[in-house]
Amino acid sequence: MAEIKKDINENYIEEVKKALKEIKYGSLTLIIQDGKVIQIDKTEKVRL
């Protein structure tokens, strides 16, 4: 069971890393419910 939970946590970490690499200006918000990440919001700003 702990191994499954570890895999799930690693998936969240990979998604966060991917989002961070894609964004230049903006914010990244993790939505957590009952101690688990349920959503990742990415807001990107375009600077002119």
Protein backbone atom coordinates (compact mmCIF):
# COMPACT_ATOMS: atom_id res chain seq x y z
CA MET A 1 0.00 0.00 0.00
CA ALA A 2 2.82 2.43 0.84
CA GLU A 3 4.39 1.73 -2.56
CA ILE A 4 1.16 2.68 -4.37
CA LYS A 5 0.93 5.89 -2.34
CA LYS A 6 4.56 6.69 -3.18
CA ASP A 7 3.87 6.23 -6.92
CA ILE A 8 0.88 8.56 -6.71
CA ASN A 9 2.96 11.20 -4.91
CA GLU A 10 5.70 10.89 -7.53
CA ASN A 11 3.10 11.46 -10.25
CA TYR A 12 2.05 14.71 -8.55
CA ILE A 13 5.67 15.77 -8.32
CA GLU A 14 6.22 15.04 -12.02
CA GLU A 15 3.13 17.08 -12.96
CA VAL A 16 4.33 20.01 -10.85
CA LYS A 17 7.80 19.81 -12.43
CA LYS A 18 6.25 19.77 -15.91
CA ALA A 19 4.08 22.80 -15.14
CA LEU A 20 7.06 24.70 -13.71
CA LYS A 21 9.13 24.05 -16.82
CA GLU A 22 6.33 25.32 -19.09
CA ILE A 23 5.62 28.59 -17.28
CA LYS A 24 7.79 31.71 -17.57
CA TYR A 25 5.66 34.29 -15.68
CA GLY A 26 2.64 33.44 -13.57
CA SER A 27 1.61 31.17 -10.75
CA LEU A 28 1.08 27.53 -9.94
CA THR A 29 -1.53 26.56 -7.33
CA LEU A 30 -2.01 23.13 -5.79
CA ILE A 31 -5.52 22.35 -4.58
CA ILE A 32 -5.43 19.90 -1.68
CA GLN A 33 -8.36 18.03 -0.16
CA ASP A 34 -8.08 15.53 2.69
CA GLY A 35 -4.30 15.73 2.47
CA LYS A 36 -4.19 14.80 -1.24
CA VAL A 37 -3.49 16.94 -4.28
CA ILE A 38 -6.69 16.95 -6.32
CA GLN A 39 -5.96 19.75 -8.78
CA ILE A 40 -3.09 21.79 -10.19
CA ASP A 41 -3.95 25.27 -11.51
CA LYS A 42 -1.49 27.12 -13.73
CA THR A 43 -1.97 30.80 -14.52
CA GLU A 44 0.46 32.22 -17.03
CA LYS A 45 1.11 35.90 -17.62
CA VAL A 46 2.17 37.22 -21.00
CA ARG A 47 4.59 40.11 -20.69
CA LEU A 48 4.86 42.45 -23.66
